[in-house]
């Protein structure tokens, strides 16, 4: 009856110690698509300028206290999308809170002297939180 060739099968279910991450990855991919699609509809707060490139460029986090200064390729200076003359620029920035974040967009084809004029005026008036916008290479 009990032959030595008998085999016994262990029919116990094994416990899984791992988590199935496939559904999690699927959900994350759907969220990524939603973010990418909606990001294209966000309003740009800056004038269209051809920015210079920099390897050390970092992401600009938007702040409600930010003042945007744009220098176009024809060297016209804009303060929050409104054109301003150089002689009026100095008086206008004196009215800005010194703690505000100043964002400078400068077209790469503009004269460097215009950029230095803006930067020097900000430094003379004790602005310390100055960001220069560039684009990644």
C-alpha atoms as a PDB file:
ATOM      1  CA  UNK A   1       0.000   0.000   0.000  1.00  0.00           C
ATOM      2  CA  UNK A   2       2.525   2.581   0.917  1.00  0.00           C
ATOM      3  CA  UNK A   3       4.902   2.444  -1.955  1.00  0.00           C
ATOM      4  CA  UNK A   4       8.093   4.419  -1.867  1.00  0.00           C
ATOM      5  CA  UNK A   5       7.207   6.171  -5.126  1.00  0.00           C
ATOM      6  CA  UNK A   6       4.307   8.142  -3.696  1.00  0.00           C
ATOM      7  CA  UNK A   7       4.507  11.898  -4.095  1.00  0.00           C
ATOM      8  CA  UNK A   8       2.868  14.341  -1.794  1.00  0.00           C
ATOM      9  CA  UNK A   9       1.818  17.769  -3.035  1.00  0.00           C
ATOM     10  CA  UNK A  10       1.779  20.796  -0.816  1.00  0.00           C
ATOM     11  CA  UNK A  11      -1.416  22.641  -1.703  1.00  0.00           C
ATOM     12  CA  UNK A  12      -0.996  25.574   0.646  1.00  0.00           C
ATOM     13  CA  UNK A  13      -1.275  29.017  -0.902  1.00  0.00           C
ATOM     14  CA  UNK A  14       1.865  31.092  -0.728  1.00  0.00           C
ATOM     15  CA  UNK A  15       1.694  34.504   0.888  1.00  0.00           C
ATOM     16  CA  UNK A  16       2.780  37.385  -1.301  1.00  0.00           C
ATOM     17  CA  UNK A  17       5.119  39.801   0.416  1.00  0.00           C
ATOM     18  CA  UNK A  18       5.284  42.201  -2.555  1.00  0.00           C
ATOM     19  CA  UNK A  19       2.869  44.932  -3.622  1.00  0.00           C
ATOM     20  CA  UNK A  20       1.631  45.010  -7.185  1.00  0.00           C
ATOM     21  CA  UNK A  21       2.684  48.442  -8.466  1.00  0.00           C
ATOM     22  CA  UNK A  22       1.257  48.156 -11.981  1.00  0.00           C
ATOM     23  CA  UNK A  23      -2.083  49.852 -11.095  1.00  0.00           C
ATOM     24  CA  UNK A  24      -0.166  52.608  -9.283  1.00  0.00           C
ATOM     25  CA  UNK A  25       1.967  53.236 -12.389  1.00  0.00           C
ATOM     26  CA  UNK A  26      -1.159  53.365 -14.561  1.00  0.00           C
ATOM     27  CA  UNK A  27      -2.729  55.986 -12.307  1.00  0.00           C
ATOM     28  CA  UNK A  28       0.462  58.067 -12.258  1.00  0.00           C
ATOM     29  CA  UNK A  29       0.660  58.020 -16.062  1.00  0.00           C
ATOM     30  CA  UNK A  30      -2.933  59.244 -16.334  1.00  0.00           C
ATOM     31  CA  UNK A  31      -2.185  62.054 -13.865  1.00  0.00           C
ATOM     32  CA  UNK A  32       0.947  62.965 -15.833  1.00  0.00           C
ATOM     33  CA  UNK A  33      -1.080  63.255 -19.050  1.00  0.00           C
ATOM     34  CA  UNK A  34      -3.640  65.465 -17.314  1.00  0.00           C
ATOM     35  CA  UNK A  35      -0.916  67.765 -15.939  1.00  0.00           C
ATOM     36  CA  UNK A  36       0.810  68.055 -19.323  1.00  0.00           C
ATOM     37  CA  UNK A  37      -2.428  68.842 -21.130  1.00  0.00           C
ATOM     38  CA  UNK A  38      -3.558  71.459 -18.617  1.00  0.00           C
ATOM     39  CA  UNK A  39      -0.098  73.053 -18.413  1.00  0.00           C
ATOM     40  CA  UNK A  40      -0.399  74.148 -22.032  1.00  0.00           C
ATOM     41  CA  UNK A  41      -3.482  76.228 -21.167  1.00  0.00           C
ATOM     42  CA  UNK A  42      -1.889  78.217 -18.340  1.00  0.00           C
ATOM     43  CA  UNK A  43      -1.605  81.919 -19.118  1.00  0.00           C
ATOM     44  CA  UNK A  44       1.882  83.283 -19.655  1.00  0.00           C
ATOM     45  CA  UNK A  45       2.559  86.408 -17.599  1.00  0.00           C
ATOM     46  CA  UNK A  46       5.583  87.443 -19.600  1.00  0.00           C
ATOM     47  CA  UNK A  47       6.028  89.252 -22.889  1.00  0.00           C
ATOM     48  CA  UNK A  48       7.352  87.178 -25.748  1.00  0.00           C
ATOM     49  CA  UNK A  49      11.129  87.540 -25.804  1.00  0.00           C
ATOM     50  CA  UNK A  50      13.843  85.266 -27.145  1.00  0.00           C
ATOM     51  CA  UNK A  51      15.612  84.301 -23.915  1.00  0.00           C
ATOM     52  CA  UNK A  52      19.266  83.427 -23.605  1.00  0.00           C
ATOM     53  CA  UNK A  53      20.209  79.892 -22.574  1.00  0.00           C
ATOM     54  CA  UNK A  54      22.026  78.817 -19.418  1.00  0.00           C
ATOM     55  CA  UNK A  55      23.041  75.436 -18.030  1.00  0.00           C
ATOM     56  CA  UNK A  56      22.336  76.557 -14.475  1.00  0.00           C
ATOM     57  CA  UNK A  57      18.751  77.614 -15.191  1.00  0.00           C
ATOM     58  CA  UNK A  58      16.257  76.717 -12.466  1.00  0.00           C
ATOM     59  CA  UNK A  59      12.500  76.651 -12.364  1.00  0.00           C
ATOM     60  CA  UNK A  60      10.804  79.928 -11.529  1.00  0.00           C
ATOM     61  CA  UNK A  61       8.119  79.584  -8.881  1.00  0.00           C
ATOM     62  CA  UNK A  62       5.383  82.190  -9.295  1.00  0.00           C
ATOM     63  CA  UNK A  63       4.810  84.591  -6.474  1.00  0.00           C
ATOM     64  CA  UNK A  64       2.076  87.186  -6.019  1.00  0.00           C
ATOM     65  CA  UNK A  65       4.673  89.797  -5.007  1.00  0.00           C
ATOM     66  CA  UNK A  66       6.636  89.447  -8.213  1.00  0.00           C
ATOM     67  CA  UNK A  67       7.433  92.338 -10.521  1.00  0.00           C
ATOM     68  CA  UNK A  68       8.326  91.455 -14.098  1.00  0.00           C
ATOM     69  CA  UNK A  69      10.808  93.611 -16.003  1.00  0.00           C
ATOM     70  CA  UNK A  70      11.189  92.791 -19.694  1.00  0.00           C
ATOM     71  CA  UNK A  71      13.826  94.094 -22.079  1.00  0.00           C
ATOM     72  CA  UNK A  72      12.847  93.507 -25.713  1.00  0.00           C
ATOM     73  CA  UNK A  73      15.335  93.155 -28.579  1.00  0.00           C
ATOM     74  CA  UNK A  74      14.748  96.800 -29.582  1.00  0.00           C
ATOM     75  CA  UNK A  75      15.905  97.731 -26.014  1.00  0.00           C
ATOM     76  CA  UNK A  76      12.488  98.913 -24.878  1.00  0.00           C
ATOM     77  CA  UNK A  77      11.906  98.296 -21.179  1.00  0.00           C
ATOM     78  CA  UNK A  78       8.573  97.015 -19.886  1.00  0.00           C
ATOM     79  CA  UNK A  79       7.468  96.999 -16.259  1.00  0.00           C
ATOM     80  CA  UNK A  80       4.671  94.456 -15.770  1.00  0.00           C
ATOM     81  CA  UNK A  81       3.798  94.512 -19.502  1.00  0.00           C
ATOM     82  CA  UNK A  82       3.699  98.332 -19.675  1.00  0.00           C
ATOM     83  CA  UNK A  83       6.386 100.118 -21.642  1.00  0.00           C
ATOM     84  CA  UNK A  84       8.398 102.563 -19.576  1.00  0.00           C
ATOM     85  CA  UNK A  85      11.097 105.044 -20.543  1.00  0.00           C
ATOM     86  CA  UNK A  86      14.535 104.853 -18.932  1.00  0.00           C
ATOM     87  CA  UNK A  87      14.102 108.225 -17.238  1.00  0.00           C
ATOM     88  CA  UNK A  88      10.789 107.091 -15.683  1.00  0.00           C
ATOM     89  CA  UNK A  89      12.116 103.647 -14.763  1.00  0.00           C
ATOM     90  CA  UNK A  90      14.245 104.948 -11.884  1.00  0.00           C
ATOM     91  CA  UNK A  91      11.309 106.752 -10.264  1.00  0.00           C
ATOM     92  CA  UNK A  92       8.934 103.839 -10.802  1.00  0.00           C
ATOM     93  CA  UNK A  93      11.113 101.219  -9.100  1.00  0.00           C
ATOM     94  CA  UNK A  94      11.480 103.418  -6.016  1.00  0.00           C
ATOM     95  CA  UNK A  95       7.743 102.848  -5.440  1.00  0.00           C
ATOM     96  CA  UNK A  96       8.124  99.057  -5.440  1.00  0.00           C
ATOM     97  CA  UNK A  97       8.425  97.144  -2.165  1.00  0.00           C
ATOM     98  CA  UNK A  98      12.086  96.136  -1.630  1.00  0.00           C
ATOM     99  CA  UNK A  99      10.985  92.625  -0.545  1.00  0.00           C
ATOM    100  CA  UNK A 100       9.272  91.926  -3.887  1.00  0.00           C
ATOM    101  CA  UNK A 101      10.678  89.327  -6.200  1.00  0.00           C
ATOM    102  CA  UNK A 102      12.021  91.035  -9.332  1.00  0.00           C
ATOM    103  CA  UNK A 103      11.984  88.872 -12.470  1.00  0.00           C
ATOM    104  CA  UNK A 104      14.069  90.070 -15.419  1.00  0.00           C
ATOM    105  CA  UNK A 105      13.323  88.784 -18.933  1.00  0.00           C
ATOM    106  CA  UNK A 106      15.937  90.020 -21.346  1.00  0.00           C
ATOM    107  CA  UNK A 107      15.964  89.238 -25.066  1.00  0.00           C
ATOM    108  CA  UNK A 108      19.318  87.785 -26.069  1.00  0.00           C
ATOM    109  CA  UNK A 109      19.527  90.206 -29.014  1.00  0.00           C
ATOM    110  CA  UNK A 110      19.093  93.303 -26.860  1.00  0.00           C
ATOM    111  CA  UNK A 111      22.056  95.520 -26.086  1.00  0.00           C
ATOM    112  CA  UNK A 112      23.837  94.423 -22.922  1.00  0.00           C
ATOM    113  CA  UNK A 113      23.886  98.037 -21.742  1.00  0.00           C
ATOM    114  CA  UNK A 114      20.087  97.968 -21.323  1.00  0.00           C
ATOM    115  CA  UNK A 115      20.351  94.916 -19.093  1.00  0.00           C
ATOM    116  CA  UNK A 116      23.097  96.571 -17.023  1.00  0.00           C
ATOM    117  CA  UNK A 117      20.999  99.731 -16.690  1.00  0.00           C
ATOM    118  CA  UNK A 118      18.097  97.737 -15.202  1.00  0.00           C
ATOM    119  CA  UNK A 119      20.305  95.606 -12.964  1.00  0.00           C
ATOM    120  CA  UNK A 120      22.281  98.599 -11.700  1.00  0.00           C
ATOM    121  CA  UNK A 121      19.090 100.553 -10.930  1.00  0.00           C
ATOM    122  CA  UNK A 122      17.761  97.593  -8.922  1.00  0.00           C
ATOM    123  CA  UNK A 123      21.013  97.165  -6.981  1.00  0.00           C
ATOM    124  CA  UNK A 124      21.276 100.890  -6.201  1.00  0.00           C
ATOM    125  CA  UNK A 125      17.728 100.771  -4.810  1.00  0.00           C
ATOM    126  CA  UNK A 126      18.610  97.785  -2.553  1.00  0.00           C
ATOM    127  CA  UNK A 127      16.573  95.072  -4.273  1.00  0.00           C
ATOM    128  CA  UNK A 128      17.992  91.689  -3.280  1.00  0.00           C
ATOM    129  CA  UNK A 129      15.524  89.147  -4.630  1.00  0.00           C
ATOM    130  CA  UNK A 130      16.338  89.389  -8.353  1.00  0.00           C
ATOM    131  CA  UNK A 131      15.753  86.538 -10.793  1.00  0.00           C
ATOM    132  CA  UNK A 132      17.054  86.464 -14.366  1.00  0.00           C
ATOM    133  CA  UNK A 133      14.923  84.284 -16.607  1.00  0.00           C
ATOM    134  CA  UNK A 134      16.725  82.040 -19.098  1.00  0.00           C
ATOM    135  CA  UNK A 135      15.751  78.887 -20.928  1.00  0.00           C
ATOM    136  CA  UNK A 136      17.338  75.444 -20.728  1.00  0.00           C
ATOM    137  CA  UNK A 137      19.694  74.406 -23.477  1.00  0.00           C
END
